[in-house]
Protein backbone atom coordinates (compact mmCIF):
# COMPACT_ATOMS: atom_id res chain seq x y z
CA GLY A 1 105.00 -105.83 -19.27
CA THR A 2 105.52 -104.49 -15.79
CA LEU A 3 103.88 -101.46 -14.20
CA SER A 4 106.22 -99.54 -11.94
CA THR A 5 105.34 -98.26 -8.52
CA PRO A 6 104.15 -94.61 -8.55
CA LEU A 7 106.82 -91.94 -8.69
CA GLU A 8 105.67 -89.11 -6.46
CA ILE A 9 105.99 -85.70 -8.10
CA THR A 10 105.43 -82.67 -5.90
CA VAL A 11 104.98 -79.25 -7.49
CA GLY A 12 105.78 -76.87 -4.67
CA ALA A 13 105.49 -73.12 -4.38
CA SER A 14 108.34 -71.16 -5.95
CA ASN A 15 108.99 -69.46 -2.59
CA SER A 16 107.68 -69.74 0.95
CA PHE A 17 108.24 -68.53 4.51
CA ALA A 18 110.92 -69.78 6.86
CA VAL A 19 109.36 -67.44 9.43
CA GLU A 20 105.80 -66.17 8.92
CA PRO A 21 105.15 -62.39 8.97
CA ALA A 22 104.71 -60.69 12.35
CA LEU A 23 104.42 -57.13 13.59
CA LEU A 24 107.57 -55.54 15.03
CA SER A 25 105.82 -52.77 16.97
CA VAL A 26 102.39 -51.53 17.98
CA PRO A 27 100.65 -50.16 14.86
CA THR A 28 99.69 -46.48 14.67
CA THR A 29 97.22 -44.69 12.41
CA ASP A 30 100.10 -43.92 10.05
CA ARG A 31 102.66 -46.72 10.39
CA ILE A 32 102.99 -50.52 10.52
CA ASP A 33 106.32 -52.31 11.03
CA VAL A 34 106.43 -55.92 9.80
CA ARG A 35 109.09 -58.59 9.41
CA PHE A 36 109.29 -62.05 7.82
CA THR A 37 111.89 -64.47 6.48
CA PRO A 38 111.49 -66.14 3.06
CA THR A 39 113.02 -69.50 2.24
CA LYS A 40 114.90 -68.24 -0.80
CA LEU A 41 115.70 -65.24 -3.03
CA GLY A 42 112.77 -63.69 -4.83
CA ARG A 43 110.22 -60.92 -4.63
CA ALA A 44 107.67 -59.83 -2.05
CA TRP A 45 104.37 -58.00 -1.95
CA VAL A 46 102.86 -56.58 1.25
CA VAL A 47 99.37 -55.06 1.54
CA VAL A 48 97.08 -53.90 4.33
CA THR A 49 93.42 -54.51 3.55
CA PRO A 50 90.08 -53.64 5.18
CA SER A 51 88.48 -56.08 7.58
CA ALA A 52 86.28 -57.55 4.82
CA SER A 53 89.31 -59.52 3.63
CA LEU A 54 89.32 -61.42 6.91
CA VAL A 55 86.44 -63.47 5.50
CA GLU A 56 88.08 -64.06 2.12
CA PRO A 57 91.86 -63.53 1.88
CA PRO A 58 93.14 -62.06 -1.40
CA SER A 59 94.32 -64.31 -4.21
CA ARG A 60 97.90 -64.33 -5.46
CA ALA A 61 96.90 -62.31 -8.52
CA ARG A 62 95.16 -59.66 -6.37
CA MET A 63 98.23 -59.43 -4.13
CA VAL A 64 100.51 -58.76 -7.11
CA THR A 65 98.20 -55.95 -8.31
CA ASN A 66 97.62 -54.54 -4.77
CA VAL A 67 93.84 -54.84 -5.11
CA GLY A 68 92.07 -53.70 -1.94
CA ALA A 69 95.12 -52.11 -0.32
CA VAL A 70 94.48 -49.16 1.99
CA GLY A 71 96.52 -46.00 2.43
CA ALA A 72 99.15 -44.39 0.28
CA LEU A 73 101.65 -46.18 -2.00
CA SER A 74 104.10 -46.04 0.90
CA CYS A 75 101.75 -48.35 2.83
CA ARG A 76 102.42 -51.32 0.56
CA VAL A 77 105.32 -53.25 -0.97
CA SER A 78 105.14 -54.23 -4.65
CA GLY A 79 107.54 -56.83 -5.95
CA ALA A 80 110.50 -55.83 -3.80
CA GLU A 81 113.69 -57.89 -4.09
CA ILE A 82 114.14 -60.15 -1.05
CA GLN A 83 116.93 -62.30 0.38
CA ALA A 84 116.68 -65.53 2.34
CA THR A 85 117.20 -63.56 5.55
CA GLN A 86 114.86 -61.59 7.79
CA GLN A 87 113.14 -58.83 5.81
CA SER A 88 111.76 -55.76 7.64
CA TYR A 89 109.49 -53.09 6.22
CA ALA A 90 108.10 -49.86 7.68
CA LEU A 91 104.78 -49.11 6.00
CA SER A 92 103.72 -45.45 6.32
CA GLY A 93 100.82 -43.27 5.22
CA CYS A 94 98.38 -46.10 5.99
CA GLN A 95 95.54 -43.86 7.25
CA LEU A 96 94.17 -46.52 9.61
CA ASP A 97 91.06 -45.86 11.67
CA PRO A 98 91.66 -46.44 15.40
CA GLY A 99 89.64 -49.32 16.74
CA GLN A 100 88.99 -50.88 13.33
CA ILE A 101 90.46 -54.27 12.41
CA TYR A 102 92.66 -54.62 9.34
CA ALA A 103 94.44 -57.58 7.76
CA LEU A 104 98.05 -57.54 6.59
CA TYR A 105 99.22 -60.11 4.03
CA VAL A 106 102.63 -60.90 2.57
CA TYR A 107 103.09 -62.79 -0.68
CA VAL A 108 106.46 -64.17 -1.81
CA GLU A 109 107.59 -65.91 -4.99
CA ASP A 110 110.76 -66.36 -7.01
CA HIS A 111 111.93 -64.04 -9.82
CA ARG A 112 109.84 -65.57 -12.63
CA PHE A 113 106.56 -63.70 -11.95
CA ASN A 114 104.47 -66.85 -12.37
CA THR A 115 102.21 -66.10 -9.36
CA ASP A 116 103.16 -69.52 -8.00
CA GLY A 117 104.43 -68.38 -4.60
CA THR A 118 103.01 -68.46 -1.07
CA LEU A 119 100.50 -66.16 0.61
CA SER A 120 101.14 -65.65 4.32
CA ARG A 121 98.70 -66.25 7.11
CA THR A 122 96.58 -63.29 8.15
CA VAL A 123 98.33 -60.77 10.39
CA PHE A 124 95.65 -58.89 12.29
CA VAL A 125 96.26 -55.14 12.62
CA LYS A 126 94.37 -52.91 15.01
CA VAL A 127 95.38 -49.43 16.06
CA ILE A 128 94.88 -49.19 19.80
CA ARG A 129 93.32 -45.92 20.80
CA SER A 130 95.77 -43.84 22.82
CA ASN A 131 92.94 -42.67 25.10
CA ASN A 132 89.33 -43.51 25.79
CA PHE A 133 86.45 -42.48 28.01
CA ALA A 134 86.26 -43.90 31.52
CA ILE A 135 83.01 -41.93 31.70
CA SER A 136 81.32 -41.15 28.40
CA PRO A 137 80.43 -37.47 27.89
CA VAL A 138 76.94 -36.53 29.11
CA LEU A 139 75.10 -33.26 29.47
CA VAL A 140 74.74 -32.35 33.15
CA THR A 141 72.42 -29.37 32.63
CA LEU A 142 69.64 -28.60 30.21
CA PRO A 143 71.18 -26.69 27.29
CA THR A 144 70.12 -23.10 26.67
CA LEU A 145 70.51 -20.95 23.60
CA ASP A 146 73.71 -19.65 25.20
CA GLY A 147 75.38 -22.95 26.05
CA PHE A 148 75.56 -26.18 28.04
CA ASP A 149 77.67 -28.15 30.53
CA VAL A 150 79.34 -31.51 29.82
CA ARG A 151 80.86 -34.08 32.16
CA PHE A 152 83.37 -36.76 31.07
CA GLN A 153 86.44 -38.61 32.25
CA ALA A 154 89.37 -39.90 30.18
CA THR A 155 91.13 -43.15 31.00
CA VAL A 156 94.61 -41.56 30.99
CA PRO A 157 95.95 -37.99 31.09
CA GLY A 158 96.25 -36.30 27.73
CA ARG A 159 94.52 -33.67 25.59
CA ALA A 160 90.89 -32.99 24.76
CA TRP A 161 88.83 -31.16 22.15
CA ALA A 162 85.12 -30.33 22.23
CA MET A 163 82.68 -28.42 20.06
CA ALA A 164 79.07 -28.01 19.00
CA VAL A 165 77.98 -28.30 15.37
CA ASP A 166 74.79 -28.00 13.39
CA ALA A 167 73.10 -31.42 13.34
CA ILE A 168 73.06 -31.37 9.54
CA GLY A 169 76.87 -31.68 9.53
CA GLY A 170 77.15 -33.87 12.63
CA SER A 171 77.59 -37.11 10.70
CA GLY A 172 80.80 -35.75 9.18
CA VAL A 173 82.60 -35.11 12.47
CA THR A 174 85.78 -37.20 12.79
CA SER A 175 88.74 -37.32 15.14
CA LEU A 176 90.71 -35.19 12.67
CA SER A 177 87.97 -32.64 11.94
CA ILE A 178 87.30 -31.94 15.63
CA ARG A 179 91.03 -31.35 16.21
CA SER A 180 90.81 -28.46 13.72
CA LEU A 181 87.36 -27.42 15.04
CA GLN A 182 85.88 -27.83 11.58
CA GLY A 183 82.24 -26.72 11.69
CA ALA A 184 82.42 -25.46 15.28
CA LEU A 185 79.69 -23.00 16.26
CA GLY A 186 79.73 -19.99 18.56
CA GLY A 187 82.48 -17.88 20.01
CA PRO A 188 85.76 -18.96 21.63
CA GLU A 189 83.94 -19.88 24.87
CA CYS A 190 81.82 -22.47 23.00
CA TYR A 191 84.66 -24.83 22.05
CA PHE A 192 87.84 -26.30 23.52
CA GLN A 193 90.96 -27.08 21.50
CA ASP A 194 94.00 -29.10 22.60
CA VAL A 195 93.28 -28.65 26.32
CA PRO A 196 95.48 -30.63 28.77
CA ILE A 197 93.45 -33.01 30.95
CA ASP A 198 94.18 -35.56 33.67
CA ASP A 199 92.27 -38.76 34.37
CA SER A 200 89.84 -37.17 36.82
CA VAL A 201 86.23 -36.19 36.09
CA GLN A 202 86.06 -33.09 33.88
CA ILE A 203 83.10 -30.69 33.87
CA TRP A 204 83.30 -28.19 31.02
CA ASN A 205 81.10 -25.13 30.63
CA PHE A 206 80.26 -23.93 27.12
CA THR A 207 78.90 -20.39 26.68
CA ASP A 208 78.43 -17.84 23.89
CA CYS A 209 77.22 -20.61 21.58
CA ASN A 210 74.53 -18.48 19.90
CA PHE A 211 72.18 -21.41 19.34
CA GLN A 212 68.92 -20.64 17.51
CA ASP A 213 65.43 -21.90 18.14
CA MET A 214 63.82 -24.27 15.61
CA LYS A 215 67.20 -25.97 15.11
CA THR A 216 69.00 -29.11 16.31
CA TYR A 217 72.64 -29.30 17.40
CA MET A 218 75.21 -31.98 18.20
CA MET A 219 77.99 -31.74 20.77
CA PHE A 220 81.15 -33.88 20.62
CA VAL A 221 84.19 -34.50 22.83
CA TYR A 222 87.47 -36.05 21.63
CA VAL A 223 90.38 -37.24 23.82
CA GLU A 224 93.95 -38.33 23.05
CA ALA A 225 96.91 -39.34 25.15
CA TRP A 226 100.01 -37.15 25.20
CA PRO A 227 102.23 -37.64 23.35
CA SER A 228 100.30 -39.56 20.71
CA VAL A 229 99.78 -39.96 16.99
CA GLU A 230 97.35 -37.41 15.60
CA GLY A 231 93.86 -38.88 15.38
CA ASP A 232 94.44 -42.06 17.43
CA GLY A 233 92.16 -41.08 20.32
CA MET A 234 88.46 -41.56 21.01
CA LEU A 235 85.62 -39.45 19.63
CA SER A 236 82.43 -39.46 21.69
CA GLY A 237 79.01 -40.10 20.29
CA PRO A 238 76.87 -37.01 19.69
CA MET A 239 74.94 -35.32 22.48
CA ILE A 240 71.83 -33.94 20.78
CA ALA A 241 69.72 -30.93 21.66
CA SER A 242 66.72 -29.57 19.73
CA PHE A 243 65.26 -26.12 20.42
CA PHE A 244 62.02 -24.60 19.28
CA ASP A 245 59.88 -21.61 20.23
CA ALA A 246 56.70 -22.99 21.80
CA SER A 247 55.13 -19.66 22.78
CA ASN A 248 52.52 -20.03 20.07
CA ILE A 249 51.21 -23.25 21.63
CA SER A 250 51.19 -22.09 25.22
CA ALA A 251 47.98 -22.90 27.13
CA ASP A 252 47.83 -19.33 28.45
CA GLN A 253 48.37 -16.63 25.84
CA SER A 254 46.33 -13.93 27.61
CA SER A 255 49.39 -11.92 28.54
CA SER A 256 51.08 -10.09 25.73
CA ASP A 257 54.39 -9.91 27.58
CA LEU A 258 54.94 -13.66 27.83
CA SER A 259 58.50 -14.58 26.92
CA PRO A 260 59.06 -17.38 24.40
CA VAL A 261 59.19 -20.79 26.03
CA LEU A 262 62.39 -22.68 25.25
CA ILE A 263 61.81 -26.42 25.10
CA VAL A 264 64.76 -28.79 24.96
CA GLU A 265 64.08 -32.20 23.45
CA ASP A 266 65.92 -35.52 23.68
CA ILE A 267 68.15 -34.44 26.59
CA PRO A 268 66.68 -35.74 29.84
CA ILE A 269 68.88 -35.77 32.91
CA VAL A 270 70.45 -39.22 32.68
CA SER A 271 69.50 -41.83 35.29
CA ASN A 272 72.80 -43.73 34.99
CA TRP A 273 76.04 -43.64 33.04
CA PHE A 274 79.37 -45.45 32.69
CA ARG A 275 82.33 -44.89 34.97
CA GLU A 276 84.14 -47.43 32.79
CA ASP A 277 82.91 -48.08 29.26
CA PRO A 278 82.51 -51.72 28.21
CA ARG A 279 85.71 -53.50 27.17
CA GLN A 280 86.31 -56.95 25.74
CA THR A 281 88.34 -59.32 27.93
CA GLY A 282 89.92 -62.27 26.20
CA PRO A 283 89.37 -63.52 22.64
CA ALA A 284 85.88 -64.07 21.26
CA SER A 285 84.72 -67.46 20.04
CA PRO A 286 81.72 -68.68 18.03
CA ASN A 287 79.96 -69.17 21.35
CA GLY A 288 80.31 -65.55 22.43
CA ALA A 289 82.47 -63.00 24.23
CA THR A 290 83.20 -61.62 27.70
CA LEU A 291 83.10 -57.91 28.54
CA THR A 292 83.59 -55.78 31.64
CA LEU A 293 82.04 -52.43 32.51
CA ARG A 294 81.27 -50.22 35.47
CA ALA A 295 78.13 -48.15 35.95
CA ALA A 296 77.91 -44.99 38.05
CA HIS A 297 75.01 -45.71 40.41
CA THR A 298 74.71 -48.24 43.22
CA GLN A 299 71.43 -49.48 41.75
CA GLY A 300 70.67 -49.79 38.08
CA LEU A 301 69.76 -52.00 35.14
CA LEU A 302 71.96 -53.28 32.33
CA PHE A 303 70.93 -54.03 28.74
CA MET A 304 73.46 -55.51 26.31
CA LEU A 305 73.48 -57.18 22.90
CA LEU A 306 75.68 -58.15 19.97
CA THR A 307 74.75 -56.99 16.47
CA ARG A 308 76.13 -56.67 12.94
CA TYR A 309 74.46 -53.29 12.39
CA ARG A 310 76.57 -50.61 14.05
CA PRO A 311 75.11 -47.43 12.44
CA GLN A 312 71.47 -48.24 13.30
CA VAL A 313 71.96 -48.82 17.03
CA SER A 314 70.32 -46.46 19.52
CA SER A 315 69.35 -46.60 23.19
CA GLU A 316 65.89 -47.80 22.19
CA VAL A 317 67.34 -50.59 20.03
CA VAL A 318 69.47 -51.99 22.87
CA TYR A 319 66.71 -51.47 25.46
CA ASN A 320 64.34 -53.61 23.37
CA GLY A 321 66.92 -56.11 22.12
CA TRP A 322 66.28 -55.38 18.47
CA ASN A 323 68.64 -56.73 15.76
CA ALA A 324 70.49 -58.86 18.32
CA VAL A 325 72.34 -61.98 17.16
CA GLY A 326 72.31 -65.33 18.94
CA GLY A 327 70.08 -66.93 21.52
CA PRO A 328 68.81 -65.71 24.89
CA GLY A 329 72.25 -66.03 26.48
CA CYS A 330 73.75 -63.61 23.92
CA GLN A 331 71.96 -60.55 25.32
CA LYS A 332 71.11 -59.06 28.68
CA GLN A 333 67.74 -57.46 29.37
CA GLY A 334 67.25 -55.53 32.59
CA VAL A 335 70.00 -57.21 34.64
CA SER A 336 70.51 -55.59 38.04
CA ILE A 337 73.93 -53.98 38.48
CA ASP A 338 75.69 -51.75 41.01
CA ASP A 339 78.61 -49.34 40.83
CA GLN A 340 81.30 -52.04 40.90
CA VAL A 341 83.11 -53.54 37.91
CA THR A 342 80.71 -56.00 36.28
CA THR A 343 81.77 -58.95 34.11
CA VAL A 344 79.24 -59.90 31.46
CA GLN A 345 79.42 -63.26 29.68
CA LEU A 346 77.56 -63.43 26.37
CA SER A 347 77.02 -67.02 25.17
CA GLU A 348 74.85 -69.00 22.75
CA CYS A 349 75.74 -66.36 20.15
CA GLY A 350 76.45 -68.56 17.12
CA LEU A 351 79.09 -66.13 15.77
CA LEU A 352 80.87 -66.83 12.51
CA ARG A 353 84.65 -67.06 12.43
CA GLY A 354 86.44 -64.37 10.45
CA ARG A 355 83.71 -61.79 11.03
CA TYR A 356 83.36 -58.83 13.34
CA TYR A 357 80.39 -57.83 15.47
CA TYR A 358 79.54 -54.90 17.74
CA ALA A 359 78.60 -55.07 21.40
CA PHE A 360 76.50 -52.28 22.91
CA ALA A 361 75.59 -51.75 26.55
CA TYR A 362 72.89 -49.47 27.91
CA VAL A 363 72.50 -48.63 31.60
CA THR A 364 69.63 -46.97 33.41
CA GLY A 365 68.50 -46.33 36.95
CA PRO A 366 66.49 -49.03 38.76
CA GLU A 367 63.27 -47.77 37.19
CA GLY A 368 64.45 -48.46 33.61
CA GLY A 369 63.35 -46.27 30.71
CA LEU A 370 65.14 -44.40 27.94
CA ASN A 371 66.89 -41.78 30.06
CA GLY A 372 70.02 -43.87 30.60
CA THR A 373 73.34 -43.95 28.72
CA LEU A 374 74.33 -45.95 25.64
CA SER A 375 77.96 -47.08 25.46
CA PRO A 376 80.24 -46.67 22.46
CA ALA A 377 80.41 -49.72 20.20
CA VAL A 378 82.83 -52.46 21.28
CA GLU A 379 84.23 -54.23 18.22
CA ILE A 380 84.23 -58.01 18.63
CA PHE A 381 86.25 -60.00 16.11
CA VAL A 382 85.95 -63.78 16.01
CA PRO A 383 89.32 -65.18 14.88
CA THR A 384 89.29 -67.36 11.80
CA ALA A 385 90.87 -70.09 13.94
CA SER A 386 91.23 -70.49 17.68
CA ASN A 387 94.99 -70.85 17.20
CA ASN A 388 97.50 -70.63 14.38
CA PHE A 389 101.16 -71.27 13.58
CA ALA A 390 103.61 -68.47 14.28
CA MET A 391 106.22 -70.86 12.88
CA GLU A 392 105.25 -73.78 10.67
CA PRO A 393 106.56 -77.23 11.69
CA ARG A 394 110.12 -77.83 10.50
CA LEU A 395 112.51 -80.75 10.81
CA LEU A 396 115.39 -80.36 13.26
CA ALA A 397 117.27 -83.42 12.07
CA THR A 398 117.23 -85.96 9.27
CA PRO A 399 114.29 -88.37 9.82
CA ARG A 400 115.29 -91.87 10.76
CA ILE A 401 113.47 -95.15 11.21
CA SER A 402 113.89 -94.68 14.95
CA GLY A 403 112.10 -91.35 15.00
CA VAL A 404 111.47 -87.81 13.81
CA GLN A 405 112.44 -84.56 15.53
CA PHE A 406 110.82 -81.23 14.62
CA SER A 407 109.70 -77.89 16.06
CA PHE A 408 106.85 -75.39 15.68
CA ALA A 409 105.40 -72.34 17.42
CA ALA A 410 101.80 -71.17 17.95
CA THR A 411 100.27 -67.69 18.14
CA GLN A 412 98.14 -68.11 21.28
CA GLU A 413 99.55 -67.97 24.79
CA PHE A 414 97.56 -71.02 25.85
CA GLY A 415 96.51 -73.86 23.58
CA LEU A 416 96.62 -77.54 22.69
CA ALA A 417 98.28 -79.46 19.87
CA TRP A 418 97.87 -82.90 18.30
CA VAL A 419 100.73 -84.58 16.45
CA MET A 420 100.78 -87.70 14.29
CA MET A 421 102.49 -89.21 11.26
CA ILE A 422 100.69 -90.68 8.28
CA GLU A 423 101.71 -92.38 5.06
CA ALA A 424 102.15 -89.73 2.36
CA TRP A 425 99.64 -91.26 -0.05
CA LYS A 426 96.89 -90.86 2.55
CA ALA A 427 97.63 -87.24 3.36
CA HIS A 428 94.91 -85.94 1.03
CA GLU A 429 92.33 -87.58 3.30
CA LEU A 430 93.41 -85.65 6.40
CA THR A 431 90.88 -83.61 8.35
CA ILE A 432 91.14 -81.80 11.68
CA ALA A 433 88.87 -84.42 13.25
CA GLY A 434 91.02 -87.17 11.75
CA VAL A 435 94.21 -85.74 13.26
CA LYS A 436 92.61 -85.41 16.70
CA SER A 437 91.41 -89.04 16.53
CA PHE A 438 94.69 -90.26 14.94
CA THR A 439 92.92 -91.77 11.93
CA ASN A 440 95.43 -93.72 9.78
CA ALA A 441 98.30 -92.75 12.12
CA VAL A 442 101.42 -94.88 11.92
CA GLY A 443 103.42 -96.18 14.88
CA ASN A 444 102.48 -96.73 18.49
CA SER A 445 101.46 -94.27 21.20
CA ASN A 446 105.01 -92.87 21.43
CA CYS A 447 104.70 -91.77 17.81
CA ARG A 448 101.87 -89.30 18.42
CA ARG A 449 100.82 -86.55 20.84
CA ALA A 450 97.32 -85.84 22.10
CA SER A 451 96.23 -82.56 23.70
CA LEU A 452 99.81 -81.35 24.11
CA ALA A 453 99.78 -78.14 26.15
CA ILE A 454 101.49 -75.36 24.18
CA GLY A 455 102.11 -71.61 24.35
CA THR A 456 103.87 -69.10 22.14
CA ALA A 457 107.33 -70.52 22.81
CA THR A 458 108.89 -72.81 20.21
CA GLN A 459 107.90 -76.43 20.83
CA GLU A 460 110.39 -79.22 20.09
CA VAL A 461 108.80 -82.65 19.59
CA VAL A 462 110.42 -86.06 19.15
CA LEU A 463 108.28 -88.91 17.81
CA ALA A 464 109.86 -92.31 18.36
CA GLU A 465 108.71 -95.91 18.64
CA SER A 466 110.19 -96.23 22.12
């Protein structure tokens, strides 16, 4: 008999995206606006998940059951009817933490509920803090049992809150709890609530705190812009003071009228601090990241590292380079700095794509030591890919022997693209390296593109033999 040539049978997804999901506005702690366009009628699911999903996106079955979704039911879409036109959704009640990275996914299929549809690319969601510290809060005087003085500077005008709490409850202070002064100690002169501030240096005096000896306290400052979404500002790290009565260990106890000696621990006068806290500039890569900062003094030393362990980081950890990732180029140890904006390049880091890390900087005076200032954590996320498709390639005209015309769009403002055609039966052998080297490509040099400069605008490409 005669064996026929193969008949190609393609089992495609029951629905897909004509336009991939994208954010319509800047996310807030409560709301995310997203839009997308499916290829046909069907149903859609939308979820916002914690950053852990950036390493392993959810399966179709988990999308349908909303496994891992954050926020209230209003912060997700479950099997909503969709048309083959642009679909827009306003997700609310999401309860997002400012500064943290989240992942939004959309899943579409037809009406048969066979979980045979298409999961979107990852849409990264990060709530930008409405305000931050240009100068992190520091104690400018030694605290007494009555009170203390704090200096700080916000990046933009807005509102500020500040309070002192018992150290036992300090770990539970959040941007929302400080707004309601939950756990605040002392009288009305020992806390500040919803106080208007500008972007100049603030020095606040706290009195009538009624601190007690033999106890430890934490002081916090929180700033927001105005107007803003409640809780989208920046909460400072704790300023810690411990008091104890040392009169019983005094070297001279001959006089019966000696007053108790108040000793304050862990609060030396700082030798240096930040006029501008560290900030990431540009996207991170597996090789590392670039940050900028500005110290207060004309002479000082900088210590910086990247780590996966945010809660365990202290001034001593950064000063000694403990728990740092990467090679020698991925941390700075005792680098001389002045009071100008400093750009720090961390390299040789060996970071993994799809994961997030934390950068910490610590500055001291020229003599070094542990009486400097530790910066807030800077979250560094390494994208799962250096670039992605905002719009998948699509044909603009019927392919002909003379050539093929199509378009696509990328997500990054600056990038490169490689284009080639290959016989369909060899497509399963394709790799990224193979595309860049044009392995098994058909046609001559006019039928491919190498290192094509691209941006976020839609690219139209024509491949032709001549």
